[in-house]
Amino acid sequence: MNIKIYGADWCSDCVQAKNFLDSKGKKYEYIIITDNQEALDLVEKINHGKRVIPTIIIDKKSYTNPGINGLMKIIE
């Protein structure tokens, strides 16, 4: 499972998503969009011009702020 989280350290939903994946032993790449124009552009493209975080890509499919319940369904 290839997981990338696009977020920011000040975002509580991003922290919760990372903590959840950590608790499940899932490896992921965390990409901070602050001061990262390429990551910011990707997030805006996925979310139709909006900067919604966390934006999570799992096996090339994107999920916009799926929440813990959504992540549970996705990874199981």
PDB file of N, CA and C in Angstrom:
ATOM      1  N   MET A   1       0.853  -1.179   0.000  1.00  0.00           N
ATOM      2  CA  MET A   1       0.000   0.000   0.000  1.00  0.00           C
ATOM      3  C   MET A   1       0.897   1.240   0.000  1.00  0.00           C
ATOM      4  N   ASN A   2       0.755   2.080  -1.006  1.00  0.00           N
ATOM      5  CA  ASN A   2       1.533   3.304  -1.128  1.00  0.00           C
ATOM      6  C   ASN A   2       0.671   4.474  -0.653  1.00  0.00           C
ATOM      7  N   ILE A   3       1.079   5.109   0.451  1.00  0.00           N
ATOM      8  CA  ILE A   3       0.274   6.171   1.067  1.00  0.00           C
ATOM      9  C   ILE A   3       1.087   7.457   1.128  1.00  0.00           C
ATOM     10  N   LYS A   4       0.483   8.540   0.642  1.00  0.00           N
ATOM     11  CA  LYS A   4       1.060   9.880   0.769  1.00  0.00           C
ATOM     12  C   LYS A   4       0.025  10.778   1.421  1.00  0.00           C
ATOM     13  N   ILE A   5       0.446  11.496   2.453  1.00  0.00           N
ATOM     14  CA  ILE A   5      -0.425  12.461   3.122  1.00  0.00           C
ATOM     15  C   ILE A   5       0.108  13.852   2.817  1.00  0.00           C
ATOM     16  N   TYR A   6      -0.738  14.683   2.246  1.00  0.00           N
ATOM     17  CA  TYR A   6      -0.405  16.088   2.019  1.00  0.00           C
ATOM     18  C   TYR A   6      -1.096  16.884   3.111  1.00  0.00           C
ATOM     19  N   GLY A   7      -0.294  17.596   3.911  1.00  0.00           N
ATOM     20  CA  GLY A   7      -0.887  18.314   5.030  1.00  0.00           C
ATOM     21  C   GLY A   7       0.038  19.373   5.578  1.00  0.00           C
ATOM     22  N   ALA A   8      -0.239  19.748   6.827  1.00  0.00           N
ATOM     23  CA  ALA A   8       0.551  20.757   7.537  1.00  0.00           C
ATOM     24  C   ALA A   8       0.566  20.389   9.017  1.00  0.00           C
ATOM     25  N   ASP A   9       1.647  20.732   9.688  1.00  0.00           N
ATOM     26  CA  ASP A   9       1.785  20.368  11.098  1.00  0.00           C
ATOM     27  C   ASP A   9       0.766  21.056  12.003  1.00  0.00           C
ATOM     28  N   TRP A  10       0.223  22.187  11.569  1.00  0.00           N
ATOM     29  CA  TRP A  10      -0.763  22.901  12.384  1.00  0.00           C
ATOM     30  C   TRP A  10      -2.177  22.348  12.201  1.00  0.00           C
ATOM     31  N   CYS A  11      -2.349  21.410  11.294  1.00  0.00           N
ATOM     32  CA  CYS A  11      -3.663  20.854  10.955  1.00  0.00           C
ATOM     33  C   CYS A  11      -3.971  19.655  11.855  1.00  0.00           C
ATOM     34  N   SER A  12      -4.981  19.792  12.718  1.00  0.00           N
ATOM     35  CA  SER A  12      -5.308  18.707  13.649  1.00  0.00           C
ATOM     36  C   SER A  12      -5.791  17.453  12.924  1.00  0.00           C
ATOM     37  N   ASP A  13      -6.505  17.605  11.814  1.00  0.00           N
ATOM     38  CA  ASP A  13      -6.955  16.439  11.052  1.00  0.00           C
ATOM     39  C   ASP A  13      -5.763  15.684  10.454  1.00  0.00           C
ATOM     40  N   CYS A  14      -4.736  16.416  10.058  1.00  0.00           N
ATOM     41  CA  CYS A  14      -3.525  15.790   9.519  1.00  0.00           C
ATOM     42  C   CYS A  14      -2.815  14.993  10.616  1.00  0.00           C
ATOM     43  N   VAL A  15      -2.700  15.586  11.795  1.00  0.00           N
ATOM     44  CA  VAL A  15      -2.059  14.917  12.928  1.00  0.00           C
ATOM     45  C   VAL A  15      -2.831  13.651  13.285  1.00  0.00           C
ATOM     46  N   GLN A  16      -4.162  13.728  13.297  1.00  0.00           N
ATOM     47  CA  GLN A  16      -4.976  12.556  13.612  1.00  0.00           C
ATOM     48  C   GLN A  16      -4.794  11.459  12.573  1.00  0.00           C
ATOM     49  N   ALA A  17      -4.743  11.824  11.305  1.00  0.00           N
ATOM     50  CA  ALA A  17      -4.551  10.837  10.240  1.00  0.00           C
ATOM     51  C   ALA A  17      -3.197  10.144  10.398  1.00  0.00           C
ATOM     52  N   LYS A  18      -2.146  10.924  10.678  1.00  0.00           N
ATOM     53  CA  LYS A  18      -0.822  10.341  10.873  1.00  0.00           C
ATOM     54  C   LYS A  18      -0.804   9.422  12.090  1.00  0.00           C
ATOM     55  N   ASN A  19      -1.396   9.862  13.186  1.00  0.00           N
ATOM     56  CA  ASN A  19      -1.432   9.049  14.403  1.00  0.00           C
ATOM     57  C   ASN A  19      -2.185   7.742  14.169  1.00  0.00           C
ATOM     58  N   PHE A  20      -3.284   7.808  13.427  1.00  0.00           N
ATOM     59  CA  PHE A  20      -4.061   6.610  13.134  1.00  0.00           C
ATOM     60  C   PHE A  20      -3.234   5.625  12.310  1.00  0.00           C
ATOM     61  N   LEU A  21      -2.604   6.107  11.253  1.00  0.00           N
ATOM     62  CA  LEU A  21      -1.791   5.223  10.414  1.00  0.00           C
ATOM     63  C   LEU A  21      -0.617   4.653  11.198  1.00  0.00           C
ATOM     64  N   ASP A  22      -0.018   5.466  12.067  1.00  0.00           N
ATOM     65  CA  ASP A  22       1.063   4.975  12.923  1.00  0.00           C
ATOM     66  C   ASP A  22       0.559   3.839  13.810  1.00  0.00           C
ATOM     67  N   SER A  23      -0.636   4.017  14.387  1.00  0.00           N
ATOM     68  CA  SER A  23      -1.183   3.006  15.301  1.00  0.00           C
ATOM     69  C   SER A  23      -1.485   1.693  14.578  1.00  0.00           C
ATOM     70  N   LYS A  24      -1.720   1.764  13.287  1.00  0.00           N
ATOM     71  CA  LYS A  24      -1.994   0.570  12.488  1.00  0.00           C
ATOM     72  C   LYS A  24      -0.733   0.001  11.838  1.00  0.00           C
ATOM     73  N   GLY A  25       0.405   0.652  12.107  1.00  0.00           N
ATOM     74  CA  GLY A  25       1.666   0.180  11.548  1.00  0.00           C
ATOM     75  C   GLY A  25       1.798   0.399  10.047  1.00  0.00           C
ATOM     76  N   LYS A  26       1.044   1.347   9.518  1.00  0.00           N
ATOM     77  CA  LYS A  26       1.088   1.637   8.078  1.00  0.00           C
ATOM     78  C   LYS A  26       2.180   2.667   7.795  1.00  0.00           C
ATOM     79  N   LYS A  27       2.992   2.385   6.804  1.00  0.00           N
ATOM     80  CA  LYS A  27       4.023   3.338   6.398  1.00  0.00           C
ATOM     81  C   LYS A  27       3.421   4.325   5.408  1.00  0.00           C
ATOM     82  N   TYR A  28       3.867   5.566   5.490  1.00  0.00           N
ATOM     83  CA  TYR A  28       3.351   6.612   4.614  1.00  0.00           C
ATOM     84  C   TYR A  28       4.413   7.682   4.433  1.00  0.00           C
ATOM     85  N   GLU A  29       4.238   8.453   3.390  1.00  0.00           N
ATOM     86  CA  GLU A  29       5.078   9.620   3.158  1.00  0.00           C
ATOM     87  C   GLU A  29       4.250  10.841   3.528  1.00  0.00           C
ATOM     88  N   TYR A  30       4.813  11.694   4.377  1.00  0.00           N
ATOM     89  CA  TYR A  30       4.110  12.907   4.810  1.00  0.00           C
ATOM     90  C   TYR A  30       4.724  14.094   4.099  1.00  0.00           C
ATOM     91  N   ILE A  31       3.908  14.816   3.338  1.00  0.00           N
ATOM     92  CA  ILE A  31       4.383  15.948   2.562  1.00  0.00           C
ATOM     93  C   ILE A  31       3.719  17.213   3.087  1.00  0.00           C
ATOM     94  N   ILE A  32       4.524  18.103   3.602  1.00  0.00           N
ATOM     95  CA  ILE A  32       4.018  19.367   4.141  1.00  0.00           C
ATOM     96  C   ILE A  32       3.841  20.340   2.979  1.00  0.00           C
ATOM     97  N   ILE A  33       2.630  20.874   2.839  1.00  0.00           N
ATOM     98  CA  ILE A  33       2.350  21.750   1.705  1.00  0.00           C
ATOM     99  C   ILE A  33       2.794  23.186   1.943  1.00  0.00           C
ATOM    100  N   THR A  34       3.056  23.544   3.198  1.00  0.00           N
ATOM    101  CA  THR A  34       3.516  24.893   3.509  1.00  0.00           C
ATOM    102  C   THR A  34       4.871  25.120   2.835  1.00  0.00           C
ATOM    103  N   ASP A  35       4.999  26.174   2.085  1.00  0.00           N
ATOM    104  CA  ASP A  35       6.243  26.510   1.383  1.00  0.00           C
ATOM    105  C   ASP A  35       6.674  25.426   0.396  1.00  0.00           C
ATOM    106  N   ASN A  36       5.717  24.665  -0.139  1.00  0.00           N
ATOM    107  CA  ASN A  36       6.016  23.628  -1.133  1.00  0.00           C
ATOM    108  C   ASN A  36       5.014  23.809  -2.275  1.00  0.00           C
ATOM    109  N   GLN A  37       5.376  24.633  -3.231  1.00  0.00           N
ATOM    110  CA  GLN A  37       4.449  25.008  -4.297  1.00  0.00           C
ATOM    111  C   GLN A  37       3.975  23.805  -5.108  1.00  0.00           C
ATOM    112  N   GLU A  38       4.874  22.866  -5.374  1.00  0.00           N
ATOM    113  CA  GLU A  38       4.494  21.682  -6.146  1.00  0.00           C
ATOM    114  C   GLU A  38       3.415  20.867  -5.420  1.00  0.00           C
ATOM    115  N   ALA A  39       3.586  20.669  -4.112  1.00  0.00           N
ATOM    116  CA  ALA A  39       2.589  19.932  -3.316  1.00  0.00           C
ATOM    117  C   ALA A  39       1.290  20.717  -3.232  1.00  0.00           C
ATOM    118  N   LEU A  40       1.387  22.017  -3.042  1.00  0.00           N
ATOM    119  CA  LEU A  40       0.206  22.870  -2.962  1.00  0.00           C
ATOM    120  C   LEU A  40      -0.580  22.843  -4.272  1.00  0.00           C
ATOM    121  N   ASP A  41       0.120  22.900  -5.383  1.00  0.00           N
ATOM    122  CA  ASP A  41      -0.544  22.832  -6.687  1.00  0.00           C
ATOM    123  C   ASP A  41      -1.286  21.507  -6.860  1.00  0.00           C
ATOM    124  N   LEU A  42      -0.667  20.413  -6.422  1.00  0.00           N
ATOM    125  CA  LEU A  42      -1.313  19.106  -6.533  1.00  0.00           C
ATOM    126  C   LEU A  42      -2.581  19.045  -5.680  1.00  0.00           C
ATOM    127  N   VAL A  43      -2.499  19.526  -4.447  1.00  0.00           N
ATOM    128  CA  VAL A  43      -3.673  19.535  -3.564  1.00  0.00           C
ATOM    129  C   VAL A  43      -4.798  20.366  -4.181  1.00  0.00           C
ATOM    130  N   GLU A  44      -4.467  21.522  -4.713  1.00  0.00           N
ATOM    131  CA  GLU A  44      -5.487  22.370  -5.344  1.00  0.00           C
ATOM    132  C   GLU A  44      -6.069  21.706  -6.591  1.00  0.00           C
ATOM    133  N   LYS A  45      -5.245  21.012  -7.353  1.00  0.00           N
ATOM    134  CA  LYS A  45      -5.734  20.326  -8.551  1.00  0.00           C
ATOM    135  C   LYS A  45      -6.713  19.213  -8.170  1.00  0.00           C
ATOM    136  N   ILE A  46      -6.346  18.420  -7.188  1.00  0.00           N
ATOM    137  CA  ILE A  46      -7.207  17.320  -6.736  1.00  0.00           C
ATOM    138  C   ILE A  46      -8.533  17.847  -6.196  1.00  0.00           C
ATOM    139  N   ASN A  47      -8.479  18.985  -5.492  1.00  0.00           N
ATOM    140  CA  ASN A  47      -9.648  19.519  -4.792  1.00  0.00           C
ATOM    141  C   ASN A  47     -10.294  20.708  -5.502  1.00  0.00           C
ATOM    142  N   HIS A  48     -10.146  20.749  -6.811  1.00  0.00           N
ATOM    143  CA  HIS A  48     -10.822  21.750  -7.651  1.00  0.00           C
ATOM    144  C   HIS A  48     -10.558  23.178  -7.186  1.00  0.00           C
ATOM    145  N   GLY A  49      -9.273  23.477  -6.946  1.00  0.00           N
ATOM    146  CA  GLY A  49      -8.852  24.828  -6.599  1.00  0.00           C
ATOM    147  C   GLY A  49      -8.834  25.126  -5.111  1.00  0.00           C
ATOM    148  N   LYS A  50      -9.263  24.177  -4.296  1.00  0.00           N
ATOM    149  CA  LYS A  50      -9.299  24.401  -2.840  1.00  0.00           C
ATOM    150  C   LYS A  50      -8.110  23.726  -2.171  1.00  0.00           C
ATOM    151  N   ARG A  51      -7.657  24.340  -1.089  1.00  0.00           N
ATOM    152  CA  ARG A  51      -6.540  23.806  -0.305  1.00  0.00           C
ATOM    153  C   ARG A  51      -7.092  23.002   0.865  1.00  0.00           C
ATOM    154  N   VAL A  52      -7.576  21.814   0.595  1.00  0.00           N
ATOM    155  CA  VAL A  52      -8.159  20.971   1.628  1.00  0.00           C
ATOM    156  C   VAL A  52      -7.106  19.971   2.094  1.00  0.00           C
ATOM    157  N   ILE A  53      -6.854  19.978   3.406  1.00  0.00           N
ATOM    158  CA  ILE A  53      -5.909  19.021   3.973  1.00  0.00           C
ATOM    159  C   ILE A  53      -6.545  18.336   5.173  1.00  0.00           C
ATOM    160  N   PRO A  54      -6.195  17.102   5.444  1.00  0.00           N
ATOM    161  CA  PRO A  54      -5.269  16.326   4.659  1.00  0.00           C
ATOM    162  C   PRO A  54      -5.890  15.835   3.352  1.00  0.00           C
ATOM    163  N   THR A  55      -5.093  15.858   2.329  1.00  0.00           N
ATOM    164  CA  THR A  55      -5.416  15.175   1.082  1.00  0.00           C
ATOM    165  C   THR A  55      -4.500  13.962   1.068  1.00  0.00           C
ATOM    166  N   ILE A  56      -5.105  12.793   0.961  1.00  0.00           N
ATOM    167  CA  ILE A  56      -4.361  11.546   1.090  1.00  0.00           C
ATOM    168  C   ILE A  56      -4.473  10.764  -0.223  1.00  0.00           C
ATOM    169  N   ILE A  57      -3.341  10.309  -0.704  1.00  0.00           N
ATOM    170  CA  ILE A  57      -3.323   9.475  -1.909  1.00  0.00           C
ATOM    171  C   ILE A  57      -2.883   8.078  -1.490  1.00  0.00           C
ATOM    172  N   ILE A  58      -3.754   7.109  -1.767  1.00  0.00           N
ATOM    173  CA  ILE A  58      -3.463   5.717  -1.450  1.00  0.00           C
ATOM    174  C   ILE A  58      -3.562   4.920  -2.742  1.00  0.00           C
ATOM    175  N   ASP A  59      -2.447   4.327  -3.123  1.00  0.00           N
ATOM    176  CA  ASP A  59      -2.376   3.553  -4.358  1.00  0.00           C
ATOM    177  C   ASP A  59      -2.970   4.313  -5.543  1.00  0.00           C
ATOM    178  N   LYS A  60      -2.536   5.566  -5.685  1.00  0.00           N
ATOM    179  CA  LYS A  60      -2.889   6.465  -6.792  1.00  0.00           C
ATOM    180  C   LYS A  60      -4.341   6.940  -6.788  1.00  0.00           C
ATOM    181  N   LYS A  61      -5.082   6.689  -5.713  1.00  0.00           N
ATOM    182  CA  LYS A  61      -6.447   7.203  -5.588  1.00  0.00           C
ATOM    183  C   LYS A  61      -6.452   8.245  -4.479  1.00  0.00           C
ATOM    184  N   SER A  62      -7.082   9.403  -4.737  1.00  0.00           N
ATOM    185  CA  SER A  62      -7.048  10.484  -3.763  1.00  0.00           C
ATOM    186  C   SER A  62      -8.297  10.502  -2.887  1.00  0.00           C
ATOM    187  N   TYR A  63      -8.079  10.927  -1.642  1.00  0.00           N
ATOM    188  CA  TYR A  63      -9.138  11.063  -0.650  1.00  0.00           C
ATOM    189  C   TYR A  63      -8.963  12.418   0.021  1.00  0.00           C
ATOM    190  N   THR A  64     -10.011  13.198   0.036  1.00  0.00           N
ATOM    191  CA  THR A  64      -9.954  14.526   0.635  1.00  0.00           C
ATOM    192  C   THR A  64     -10.509  14.470   2.045  1.00  0.00           C
ATOM    193  N   ASN A  65      -9.625  14.666   3.016  1.00  0.00           N
ATOM    194  CA  ASN A  65      -9.975  14.673   4.432  1.00  0.00           C
ATOM    195  C   ASN A  65     -10.982  13.563   4.763  1.00  0.00           C
ATOM    196  N   PRO A  66     -10.569  12.294   4.608  1.00  0.00           N
ATOM    197  CA  PRO A  66     -11.517  11.199   4.813  1.00  0.00           C
ATOM    198  C   PRO A  66     -11.887  10.947   6.265  1.00  0.00           C
ATOM    199  N   GLY A  67     -11.135  11.525   7.210  1.00  0.00           N
ATOM    200  CA  GLY A  67     -11.413  11.273   8.619  1.00  0.00           C
ATOM    201  C   GLY A  67     -10.963   9.872   9.014  1.00  0.00           C
ATOM    202  N   ILE A  68     -10.990   9.604  10.306  1.00  0.00           N
ATOM    203  CA  ILE A  68     -10.527   8.317  10.813  1.00  0.00           C
ATOM    204  C   ILE A  68     -11.440   7.185  10.335  1.00  0.00           C
ATOM    205  N   ASN A  69     -12.752   7.385  10.381  1.00  0.00           N
ATOM    206  CA  ASN A  69     -13.677   6.342   9.923  1.00  0.00           C
ATOM    207  C   ASN A  69     -13.451   6.015   8.458  1.00  0.00           C
ATOM    208  N   GLY A  70     -13.244   7.035   7.651  1.00  0.00           N
ATOM    209  CA  GLY A  70     -12.978   6.819   6.235  1.00  0.00           C
ATOM    210  C   GLY A  70     -11.664   6.071   6.021  1.00  0.00           C
ATOM    211  N   LEU A  71     -10.634   6.453   6.769  1.00  0.00           N
ATOM    212  CA  LEU A  71      -9.341   5.775   6.650  1.00  0.00           C
ATOM    213  C   LEU A  71      -9.451   4.301   7.053  1.00  0.00           C
ATOM    214  N   MET A  72     -10.235   4.020   8.094  1.00  0.00           N
ATOM    215  CA  MET A  72     -10.420   2.628   8.520  1.00  0.00           C
ATOM    216  C   MET A  72     -10.973   1.787   7.369  1.00  0.00           C
ATOM    217  N   LYS A  73     -11.965   2.308   6.673  1.00  0.00           N
ATOM    218  CA  LYS A  73     -12.582   1.576   5.570  1.00  0.00           C
ATOM    219  C   LYS A  73     -11.610   1.429   4.398  1.00  0.00           C
ATOM    220  N   ILE A  74     -10.818   2.454   4.155  1.00  0.00           N
ATOM    221  CA  ILE A  74      -9.908   2.460   3.009  1.00  0.00           C
ATOM    222  C   ILE A  74      -8.782   1.455   3.188  1.00  0.00           C
ATOM    223  N   ILE A  75      -8.180   1.405   4.391  1.00  0.00           N
ATOM    224  CA  ILE A  75      -6.977   0.574   4.582  1.00  0.00           C
ATOM    225  C   ILE A  75      -7.292  -0.875   4.924  1.00  0.00           C
ATOM    226  N   GLU A  76      -8.529  -1.175   5.257  1.00  0.00           N
ATOM    227  CA  GLU A  76      -8.863  -2.564   5.625  1.00  0.00           C
ATOM    228  C   GLU A  76      -9.431  -3.340   4.480  1.00  0.00           C
TER     229      GLU A  76
END
